[in-house]
Amino acid sequence: MEYNRYATAVSAAYEVFSSSLTPLYLQMKLDGASRTSNAPLLKLRVDGHQLMNSFLERAETLTADYLSTIVPGALTSAPDGSRAVSLLRALRVISYNNVVSLIQKTNADVGSMLSTRGGAMGALALKASNTVTFTSQDSSGRTWQSAVLVKTLSRDFAYQTFIDGQVKTLRAQGATTAQISYLDPLHENHGLVVAITGAGIAGVPNMESVRDTIFHINANANLTHVQT
């Protein structure tokens, strides 16, 4: 589905960004072993922010392209636009914190190497295999590997927007209810009818009442016209 392809594309763009930070870290360790100037840290900050901005620009382009295929004009209209803004803000926070943590780790490692008995180069040899692992917190405070969180947030945004688009399309065609469908016809919720109007319909669950349970972060349910 398009929402999975979108999430994969954003995730790939993030991987390019995060993997490009590691060489900066290793180079800084080498530079820090021979001098204590602030210049290398300043360069690390500048280079890191440039990589971050490139990732965010790519994510924004991917998001605009995705929205244009799902709901034309959605980038500037609620709720799709607000979902996009929230996602891009989250990606900015994650990538910015990645750069900050890289600077902090580099500064700590270099300081440790310069004070290590046996010389900085000896410490470098011991630390040469170090890798940089980035973690981030979600809105509830749970810690994730940053790459996993980026893909999860991107997929959820894309899927929820996809469902929003289906609701808009059905409403535009005059429908007041929709039928939930799955590739697996034996799914317990396959065929369930939900109301897609704000007023609701007596005896029929509305979208908001089933959103979290049926259209959850890993779901693949679709909305179609009610089959009679």
Protein backbone atom coordinates (compact mmCIF):
# COMPACT_ATOMS: atom_id res chain seq x y z
CA MET A 1 0.00 0.00 0.00
CA GLU A 2 1.01 3.61 -0.55
CA TYR A 3 1.19 4.31 3.16
CA ASN A 4 3.77 1.53 3.62
CA ARG A 5 5.83 2.84 0.71
CA TYR A 6 5.74 6.34 2.16
CA ALA A 7 6.93 5.11 5.57
CA THR A 8 9.74 3.13 3.93
CA ALA A 9 10.85 6.18 1.95
CA VAL A 10 10.94 8.45 5.01
CA SER A 11 12.73 5.75 6.97
CA ALA A 12 15.33 5.41 4.20
CA ALA A 13 15.89 9.18 4.21
CA TYR A 14 16.38 9.08 7.98
CA GLU A 15 18.87 6.21 7.66
CA VAL A 16 20.92 8.30 5.22
CA PHE A 17 20.92 11.15 7.74
CA SER A 18 21.78 9.07 10.81
CA SER A 19 24.43 6.98 9.08
CA SER A 20 26.06 10.17 7.81
CA LEU A 21 26.49 11.38 11.39
CA THR A 22 28.78 8.51 12.36
CA PRO A 23 31.71 9.58 10.12
CA LEU A 24 31.46 13.06 11.66
CA TYR A 25 31.75 11.50 15.10
CA LEU A 26 34.76 9.36 14.17
CA GLN A 27 36.53 12.28 12.49
CA MET A 28 35.91 14.44 15.52
CA LYS A 29 37.47 11.79 17.74
CA LEU A 30 40.57 11.88 15.58
CA ASP A 31 40.66 15.67 15.59
CA GLY A 32 40.08 15.83 19.32
CA ALA A 33 42.99 13.52 19.98
CA SER A 34 45.44 16.13 18.74
CA ARG A 35 43.92 19.45 19.81
CA THR A 36 41.54 20.94 22.35
CA SER A 37 40.15 23.81 20.24
CA ASN A 38 36.40 24.32 20.05
CA ALA A 39 36.63 24.53 16.27
CA PRO A 40 36.03 20.80 15.63
CA LEU A 41 32.90 20.84 17.80
CA LEU A 42 31.60 23.91 16.00
CA LYS A 43 32.19 22.20 12.66
CA LEU A 44 30.43 19.09 13.93
CA ARG A 45 27.42 21.18 14.90
CA VAL A 46 27.29 22.92 11.52
CA ASP A 47 27.74 19.71 9.54
CA GLY A 48 25.19 17.89 11.68
CA HIS A 49 22.59 20.61 11.19
CA GLN A 50 23.18 20.59 7.45
CA LEU A 51 22.52 16.85 7.34
CA MET A 52 19.46 17.33 9.53
CA ASN A 53 18.05 20.03 7.24
CA SER A 54 18.62 17.86 4.18
CA PHE A 55 16.69 15.02 5.82
CA LEU A 56 13.84 17.33 6.85
CA GLU A 57 13.59 18.81 3.37
CA ARG A 58 13.39 15.31 1.93
CA ALA A 59 10.76 14.30 4.48
CA GLU A 60 8.69 17.39 3.67
CA THR A 61 8.86 16.66 -0.05
CA LEU A 62 7.86 13.03 0.47
CA THR A 63 4.99 14.13 2.70
CA ALA A 64 3.66 16.71 0.24
CA ASP A 65 3.87 14.18 -2.60
CA TYR A 66 2.08 11.55 -0.54
CA LEU A 67 -0.70 13.90 0.50
CA SER A 68 -1.23 15.02 -3.07
CA THR A 69 -1.92 11.41 -4.07
CA ILE A 70 -4.23 10.71 -1.13
CA VAL A 71 -6.16 13.93 -0.62
CA PRO A 72 -5.39 16.80 -3.01
CA GLY A 73 -4.71 20.00 -1.11
CA ALA A 74 -4.56 18.19 2.23
CA LEU A 75 -1.25 19.72 3.27
CA THR A 76 -3.02 22.97 4.11
CA SER A 77 -6.33 21.60 5.37
CA ALA A 78 -7.31 19.85 8.60
CA PRO A 79 -7.20 17.11 9.67
CA ASP A 80 -4.64 15.94 7.10
CA GLY A 81 -2.61 19.11 7.27
CA SER A 82 -2.43 19.00 11.05
CA ARG A 83 -1.26 15.39 10.90
CA ALA A 84 1.48 16.39 8.48
CA VAL A 85 2.56 19.32 10.63
CA SER A 86 2.69 17.09 13.71
CA LEU A 87 4.76 14.45 11.94
CA LEU A 88 7.26 16.92 10.48
CA ARG A 89 7.60 18.58 13.87
CA ALA A 90 8.31 15.20 15.47
CA LEU A 91 10.92 14.37 12.82
CA ARG A 92 12.58 17.73 13.46
CA VAL A 93 12.74 17.08 17.20
CA ILE A 94 14.14 13.57 16.69
CA SER A 95 16.82 14.61 14.21
CA TYR A 96 17.78 17.73 16.20
CA ASN A 97 18.18 15.68 19.38
CA ASN A 98 20.26 13.17 17.42
CA VAL A 99 22.70 15.93 16.50
CA VAL A 100 22.77 17.23 20.08
CA SER A 101 23.44 13.76 21.48
CA LEU A 102 26.19 13.23 18.91
CA ILE A 103 27.91 16.43 20.02
CA GLN A 104 27.57 15.48 23.67
CA LYS A 105 28.90 11.97 23.07
CA THR A 106 31.79 13.25 21.00
CA ASN A 107 32.72 15.86 23.57
CA ALA A 108 32.62 13.30 26.37
CA ASP A 109 34.61 10.70 24.43
CA VAL A 110 37.30 13.14 23.36
CA GLY A 111 37.64 14.50 26.89
CA SER A 112 37.98 10.97 28.19
CA MET A 113 40.61 10.09 25.59
CA LEU A 114 42.71 13.14 26.32
CA SER A 115 42.85 12.21 30.00
CA THR A 116 43.44 8.49 29.48
CA ARG A 117 46.78 7.10 30.60
CA GLY A 118 48.77 5.82 27.68
CA GLY A 119 47.91 8.69 25.37
CA ALA A 120 45.00 9.74 23.26
CA MET A 121 45.94 7.62 20.29
CA GLY A 122 45.98 4.50 22.46
CA ALA A 123 42.49 5.33 23.62
CA LEU A 124 41.43 5.90 20.02
CA ALA A 125 42.60 2.44 19.13
CA LEU A 126 40.48 1.00 21.94
CA LYS A 127 37.44 3.04 20.92
CA ALA A 128 37.83 2.76 17.14
CA SER A 129 35.01 0.26 16.83
CA ASN A 130 32.53 2.50 18.63
CA THR A 131 29.25 3.00 16.85
CA VAL A 132 26.69 5.70 17.43
CA THR A 133 23.24 4.51 18.43
CA PHE A 134 20.49 7.10 18.52
CA THR A 135 17.46 6.84 20.77
CA SER A 136 14.40 9.08 21.09
CA GLN A 137 11.36 9.38 23.30
CA ASP A 138 7.80 9.37 22.04
CA SER A 139 5.05 11.63 23.38
CA SER A 140 4.39 9.25 26.28
CA GLY A 141 8.04 9.20 27.36
CA ARG A 142 8.81 5.71 26.03
CA THR A 143 12.33 5.33 24.64
CA TRP A 144 12.79 3.91 21.12
CA GLN A 145 15.62 3.43 18.72
CA SER A 146 15.28 6.59 16.66
CA ALA A 147 15.10 4.74 13.34
CA VAL A 148 12.23 2.57 14.61
CA LEU A 149 10.35 5.58 15.98
CA VAL A 150 10.73 7.49 12.70
CA LYS A 151 9.30 4.60 10.69
CA THR A 152 6.49 4.00 13.19
CA LEU A 153 5.41 7.64 13.27
CA SER A 154 5.66 7.93 9.49
CA ARG A 155 3.60 4.82 8.89
CA ASP A 156 0.94 5.86 11.37
CA PHE A 157 0.69 9.33 9.82
CA ALA A 158 0.41 7.88 6.33
CA TYR A 159 -2.17 5.25 7.32
CA GLN A 160 -4.36 7.65 9.30
CA THR A 161 -4.24 10.13 6.41
CA PHE A 162 -5.15 7.32 4.01
CA ILE A 163 -8.22 6.53 6.12
CA ASP A 164 -9.10 10.24 6.30
CA GLY A 165 -8.92 10.31 2.51
CA GLN A 166 -11.26 7.34 2.19
CA VAL A 167 -13.76 9.02 4.52
CA LYS A 168 -13.61 12.24 2.48
CA THR A 169 -14.13 10.36 -0.76
CA LEU A 170 -17.09 8.38 0.56
CA ARG A 171 -18.70 11.50 2.02
CA ALA A 172 -18.25 13.33 -1.28
CA GLN A 173 -20.13 10.47 -2.95
CA GLY A 174 -23.01 10.93 -0.55
CA ALA A 175 -22.30 8.04 1.81
CA THR A 176 -23.13 8.33 5.50
CA THR A 177 -21.78 4.91 6.43
CA ALA A 178 -18.83 2.80 5.35
CA GLN A 179 -17.91 -0.84 5.57
CA ILE A 180 -14.59 -1.99 7.01
CA SER A 181 -12.76 -4.52 4.87
CA TYR A 182 -9.60 -6.59 5.19
CA LEU A 183 -7.64 -8.73 2.79
CA ASP A 184 -8.54 -11.57 5.12
CA PRO A 185 -12.34 -11.98 4.90
CA LEU A 186 -12.26 -14.01 8.13
CA HIS A 187 -11.02 -11.06 10.17
CA GLU A 188 -13.42 -10.43 13.08
CA ASN A 189 -14.06 -6.84 11.96
CA HIS A 190 -14.40 -7.54 8.25
CA GLY A 191 -17.77 -6.19 7.12
CA LEU A 192 -18.37 -4.01 10.17
CA VAL A 193 -20.38 -0.91 9.26
CA VAL A 194 -19.41 2.45 10.79
CA ALA A 195 -20.92 5.91 10.57
CA ILE A 196 -18.75 8.50 8.82
CA THR A 197 -20.93 11.55 9.46
CA GLY A 198 -20.38 13.92 12.34
CA ALA A 199 -23.94 13.47 13.61
CA GLY A 200 -23.65 9.68 13.85
CA ILE A 201 -26.35 7.08 13.23
CA ALA A 202 -28.33 5.28 15.91
CA GLY A 203 -27.10 1.74 16.47
CA VAL A 204 -24.02 2.20 14.27
CA PRO A 205 -20.58 2.85 15.80
CA ASN A 206 -18.94 6.03 14.56
CA MET A 207 -15.39 6.35 13.26
CA GLU A 208 -14.01 7.96 16.38
CA SER A 209 -15.27 5.15 18.61
CA VAL A 210 -13.36 2.52 16.60
CA ARG A 211 -10.38 4.59 15.45
CA ASP A 212 -7.92 3.42 18.10
CA THR A 213 -9.00 -0.22 18.12
CA ILE A 214 -9.50 -0.89 14.41
CA PHE A 215 -7.41 1.76 12.67
CA HIS A 216 -4.45 1.38 15.03
CA ILE A 217 -0.79 1.97 14.31
CA ASN A 218 -0.20 -1.42 12.65
CA ALA A 219 -3.60 -1.86 11.00
CA ASN A 220 -4.35 -2.43 7.32
CA ALA A 221 -8.13 -2.09 7.32
CA ASN A 222 -9.85 -0.22 4.49
CA LEU A 223 -13.16 1.61 4.16
CA THR A 224 -15.50 0.82 1.28
CA HIS A 225 -19.12 1.43 0.34
CA VAL A 226 -21.58 -0.64 2.33
CA GLN A 227 -22.39 -3.78 0.40
CA THR A 228 -26.11 -4.42 0.21
